[in-house]
Amino acid sequence: MTAPATTAPALEARALVRELGDEVKTRILHGIDLTIAAGEFVSVTGPSGSGKSTLLYLLAALDRPTAGDVLIEGVSLGGLDDVERGALRGERLGFVFQFHFLLPEFTVLENVMVPMLRRRDITRADAAARARAVLTQLGLGELGSRRPTQLSGGQQQRVSIARALAHRPRILFADEPTGNLDQRTGVEVMDLLMRLGAERGTTLVLVTHDATLAARCPRRITLGDGRIVADERASA
């Protein structure tokens, strides 16, 4: 899927509604409107049940809204089938979650290569080279032949960041990326996300319940009961 030659925002949510349930509907998101510019670092915070992760999954083309639409770099997700949505995710988006979801049967290097090997425009040799380069950036260059179970929790999460960044996504989604780590390691992981994102001009959408982490982003969106209740930007 070729990227549009436009200056469209990285992400747009238009009247986004998400309901769950069959006979009895529970509304999780209530008509969210949101625009995120390319290169922005945005945190999404709010109490449990406010709809943070639901919003991230819709913005990241991992779920479909009940009503409304999401546009990624000007492309309407509502007009894409499952194959096209998967191709868009693989080419433009990266994901870091609270749990690293590394494959224990693969080496660290192979884990980082996996998402790239699903793409037709990257050879195995190029995937390996990109994986080695980003592992080195993250201080893991000597651990490529190890299995995930041989790493510490912080190292495993760094590998998941390497996996998310190796294919050079333009938008990175992070859902509670430090929630399973101790405070010091969590700060280190957040530092890496922000440094590498800034170096690459990547748009970052961070979902977190941690107000300290959220405040590190220049723009902070707060959800409450499925609605945006605050959208603040750091003063210059």
Protein backbone atom coordinates (compact mmCIF):
# COMPACT_ATOMS: atom_id res chain seq x y z
CA MET A 1 0.00 0.00 0.00
CA THR A 2 1.58 3.24 -1.12
CA ALA A 3 1.53 6.17 1.28
CA PRO A 4 -0.50 9.17 0.14
CA ALA A 5 1.49 12.11 -1.15
CA THR A 6 -0.34 14.57 1.11
CA THR A 7 0.20 16.55 4.26
CA ALA A 8 -2.74 14.82 5.95
CA PRO A 9 -2.68 14.40 9.74
CA ALA A 10 -1.16 11.19 11.02
CA LEU A 11 -4.47 10.21 12.64
CA GLU A 12 -8.04 11.43 12.60
CA ALA A 13 -11.01 10.11 14.54
CA ARG A 14 -14.38 11.30 13.31
CA ALA A 15 -17.42 10.89 15.55
CA LEU A 16 -15.98 7.61 16.80
CA VAL A 17 -18.40 5.34 18.66
CA ARG A 18 -17.69 1.87 20.07
CA GLU A 19 -20.35 -0.33 21.62
CA LEU A 20 -20.04 -3.82 23.03
CA GLY A 21 -22.69 -6.46 23.57
CA ASP A 22 -25.39 -8.09 21.49
CA GLU A 23 -28.87 -7.59 22.91
CA VAL A 24 -27.82 -5.09 25.56
CA LYS A 25 -25.35 -2.52 24.23
CA THR A 26 -22.72 -0.87 26.38
CA ARG A 27 -21.25 2.28 24.85
CA ILE A 28 -17.52 2.53 25.48
CA LEU A 29 -16.74 5.58 23.32
CA HIS A 30 -19.19 8.42 22.73
CA GLY A 31 -18.49 10.19 19.44
CA ILE A 32 -14.77 10.93 19.75
CA ASP A 33 -13.34 13.60 17.43
CA LEU A 34 -9.56 13.82 17.42
CA THR A 35 -6.75 14.92 15.12
CA ILE A 36 -3.09 14.05 15.68
CA ALA A 37 -0.46 15.69 13.49
CA ALA A 38 2.50 13.84 12.03
CA GLY A 39 5.38 13.71 14.48
CA GLU A 40 3.31 14.53 17.57
CA PHE A 41 3.88 12.75 20.88
CA VAL A 42 0.46 12.30 22.48
CA SER A 43 -0.48 10.57 25.71
CA VAL A 44 -3.98 9.25 26.40
CA THR A 45 -4.81 8.89 30.05
CA GLY A 46 -7.84 8.53 32.29
CA PRO A 47 -9.32 6.20 34.91
CA SER A 48 -9.87 2.48 34.33
CA GLY A 49 -12.83 1.93 32.05
CA SER A 50 -12.61 5.37 30.45
CA GLY A 51 -11.96 3.88 26.99
CA LYS A 52 -8.21 4.47 26.59
CA SER A 53 -7.25 1.11 25.14
CA THR A 54 -10.47 0.92 23.12
CA LEU A 55 -9.55 4.21 21.45
CA LEU A 56 -6.00 3.03 20.75
CA TYR A 57 -7.23 -0.20 19.16
CA LEU A 58 -9.56 1.74 16.87
CA LEU A 59 -6.90 4.28 15.89
CA ALA A 60 -4.46 1.44 15.22
CA ALA A 61 -6.81 -0.49 12.92
CA LEU A 62 -6.95 -3.38 15.38
CA ASP A 63 -10.71 -3.02 15.91
CA ARG A 64 -13.64 -1.53 14.01
CA PRO A 65 -15.90 1.22 15.37
CA THR A 66 -19.63 0.84 15.79
CA ALA A 67 -20.00 4.23 14.10
CA GLY A 68 -17.68 6.92 12.81
CA ASP A 69 -14.38 6.54 11.03
CA VAL A 70 -10.62 6.60 11.50
CA LEU A 71 -8.22 8.02 8.93
CA ILE A 72 -4.54 7.09 8.93
CA GLU A 73 -2.51 9.57 6.88
CA GLY A 74 -5.67 10.47 4.99
CA VAL A 75 -6.73 6.87 4.31
CA SER A 76 -10.19 5.96 5.61
CA LEU A 77 -10.12 2.65 7.47
CA GLY A 78 -13.84 2.27 6.85
CA GLY A 79 -13.10 1.77 3.16
CA LEU A 80 -10.56 -1.03 3.68
CA ASP A 81 -11.14 -4.77 3.93
CA ASP A 82 -9.27 -6.95 6.43
CA VAL A 83 -6.38 -7.68 4.06
CA GLU A 84 -5.89 -4.00 3.25
CA ARG A 85 -6.07 -3.05 6.92
CA GLY A 86 -3.43 -5.67 7.71
CA ALA A 87 -1.17 -4.35 4.96
CA LEU A 88 -1.53 -0.80 6.27
CA ARG A 89 -0.64 -1.89 9.80
CA GLY A 90 2.38 -3.80 8.58
CA GLU A 91 3.74 -0.94 6.50
CA ARG A 92 2.99 2.16 8.57
CA LEU A 93 2.30 1.23 12.20
CA GLY A 94 4.30 -0.13 15.12
CA PHE A 95 3.03 -1.53 18.42
CA VAL A 96 4.42 -1.84 21.94
CA PHE A 97 2.22 -3.38 24.63
CA GLN A 98 2.45 -3.93 28.37
CA PHE A 99 3.44 -7.55 27.78
CA HIS A 100 6.18 -8.10 25.24
CA PHE A 101 4.54 -11.05 23.41
CA LEU A 102 7.91 -12.37 22.24
CA LEU A 103 7.93 -15.82 20.67
CA PRO A 104 9.93 -18.10 23.00
CA GLU A 105 10.90 -20.54 20.24
CA PHE A 106 12.67 -17.80 18.27
CA THR A 107 15.88 -15.92 19.02
CA VAL A 108 15.88 -12.23 19.84
CA LEU A 109 17.00 -11.41 16.30
CA GLU A 110 14.28 -13.59 14.78
CA ASN A 111 11.62 -12.01 16.99
CA VAL A 112 12.56 -8.57 15.72
CA MET A 113 12.53 -9.81 12.12
CA VAL A 114 9.09 -11.47 12.25
CA PRO A 115 6.90 -8.44 11.35
CA MET A 116 9.19 -7.49 8.47
CA LEU A 117 9.11 -10.98 6.98
CA ARG A 118 5.36 -10.58 6.39
CA ARG A 119 6.06 -7.77 3.93
CA ARG A 120 6.84 -8.37 0.29
CA ASP A 121 9.06 -5.31 -0.08
CA ILE A 122 11.71 -6.40 2.46
CA THR A 123 14.07 -9.31 1.83
CA ARG A 124 15.15 -11.62 4.63
CA ALA A 125 18.68 -10.22 4.44
CA ASP A 126 17.39 -6.64 4.72
CA ALA A 127 15.12 -7.63 7.60
CA ALA A 128 18.07 -9.17 9.44
CA ALA A 129 20.22 -6.07 8.83
CA ARG A 130 17.50 -3.73 10.09
CA ALA A 131 16.91 -5.94 13.13
CA ARG A 132 20.60 -5.98 14.05
CA ALA A 133 20.86 -2.20 13.62
CA VAL A 134 17.94 -1.37 15.91
CA LEU A 135 19.03 -3.95 18.51
CA THR A 136 22.43 -2.27 18.58
CA GLN A 137 20.75 1.13 19.04
CA LEU A 138 18.92 -0.27 22.04
CA GLY A 139 22.05 -1.74 23.60
CA LEU A 140 21.06 -5.32 22.75
CA GLY A 141 23.45 -5.97 19.89
CA GLU A 142 25.19 -8.83 21.67
CA LEU A 143 21.96 -10.63 22.59
CA GLY A 144 20.58 -11.43 19.15
CA SER A 145 21.20 -15.17 19.44
CA ARG A 146 19.57 -15.54 22.86
CA ARG A 147 16.01 -16.68 23.55
CA PRO A 148 13.57 -14.29 25.23
CA THR A 149 13.53 -16.44 28.38
CA GLN A 150 17.23 -15.69 28.83
CA LEU A 151 16.58 -11.95 29.15
CA SER A 152 15.45 -9.72 32.01
CA GLY A 153 12.03 -8.09 31.90
CA GLY A 154 13.52 -4.77 30.86
CA GLN A 155 15.56 -6.41 28.10
CA GLN A 156 12.48 -8.23 26.82
CA GLN A 157 10.56 -4.96 26.59
CA ARG A 158 13.48 -3.37 24.74
CA VAL A 159 13.31 -6.24 22.25
CA SER A 160 9.60 -5.54 21.78
CA ILE A 161 10.48 -1.89 21.07
CA ALA A 162 13.09 -3.03 18.56
CA ARG A 163 10.48 -5.23 16.90
CA ALA A 164 8.07 -2.28 16.73
CA LEU A 165 10.63 0.10 15.23
CA ALA A 166 12.70 -2.12 12.93
CA HIS A 167 10.39 -1.75 9.94
CA ARG A 168 10.47 2.06 10.38
CA PRO A 169 6.81 2.76 11.14
CA ARG A 170 5.52 6.29 10.83
CA ILE A 171 3.11 5.89 13.76
CA LEU A 172 3.92 4.04 16.98
CA PHE A 173 1.21 2.93 19.40
CA ALA A 174 2.22 2.10 22.96
CA ASP A 175 -0.37 0.63 25.34
CA GLU A 176 0.89 0.72 28.95
CA PRO A 177 4.43 -0.10 27.73
CA THR A 178 5.96 0.27 31.21
CA GLY A 179 3.10 -1.23 33.22
CA ASN A 180 4.88 -4.54 33.79
CA LEU A 181 8.24 -3.02 34.74
CA ASP A 182 9.76 -1.55 37.89
CA GLN A 183 9.92 2.24 38.04
CA ARG A 184 13.56 2.66 37.04
CA THR A 185 13.30 0.27 34.10
CA GLY A 186 10.02 1.86 33.07
CA VAL A 187 11.67 5.28 32.90
CA GLU A 188 14.49 3.83 30.79
CA VAL A 189 12.00 2.25 28.38
CA MET A 190 10.06 5.50 28.07
CA ASP A 191 13.31 7.38 27.44
CA LEU A 192 14.09 4.98 24.59
CA LEU A 193 10.65 5.33 23.03
CA MET A 194 10.81 9.11 23.06
CA ARG A 195 14.42 9.38 21.92
CA LEU A 196 14.04 6.99 19.00
CA GLY A 197 10.68 8.44 18.07
CA ALA A 198 12.14 11.94 17.96
CA GLU A 199 15.15 10.81 15.92
CA ARG A 200 12.90 9.17 13.33
CA GLY A 201 10.11 11.74 13.27
CA THR A 202 7.66 9.06 14.39
CA THR A 203 4.20 9.92 15.68
CA LEU A 204 3.73 8.42 19.15
CA VAL A 205 0.40 7.61 20.79
CA LEU A 206 0.94 6.47 24.37
CA VAL A 207 -1.85 5.02 26.51
CA THR A 208 -1.00 5.01 30.20
CA HIS A 209 -2.57 5.29 33.63
CA ASP A 210 0.70 6.78 34.90
CA ALA A 211 0.28 10.56 35.13
CA THR A 212 4.05 11.10 35.33
CA LEU A 213 4.66 9.26 32.06
CA ALA A 214 1.70 10.95 30.40
CA ALA A 215 3.02 14.38 31.37
CA ARG A 216 6.25 13.73 29.47
CA CYS A 217 4.36 13.98 26.17
CA PRO A 218 3.90 17.50 24.78
CA ARG A 219 0.20 16.78 24.29
CA ARG A 220 -1.96 15.03 26.87
CA ILE A 221 -5.49 13.81 26.22
CA THR A 222 -7.64 12.73 29.14
CA LEU A 223 -10.66 10.46 28.71
CA GLY A 224 -13.58 10.14 31.07
CA ASP A 225 -16.55 7.86 30.51
CA GLY A 226 -15.69 7.42 26.84
CA ARG A 227 -15.34 11.12 26.09
CA ILE A 228 -12.43 13.53 25.79
CA VAL A 229 -12.57 15.65 28.92
CA ALA A 230 -9.23 17.44 28.46
CA ASP A 231 -6.81 18.03 25.60
CA GLU A 232 -3.78 19.91 26.87
CA ARG A 233 -0.52 20.95 25.29
CA ALA A 234 2.68 21.78 27.11
CA SER A 235 3.45 25.46 27.16
CA ALA A 236 6.39 26.53 25.03
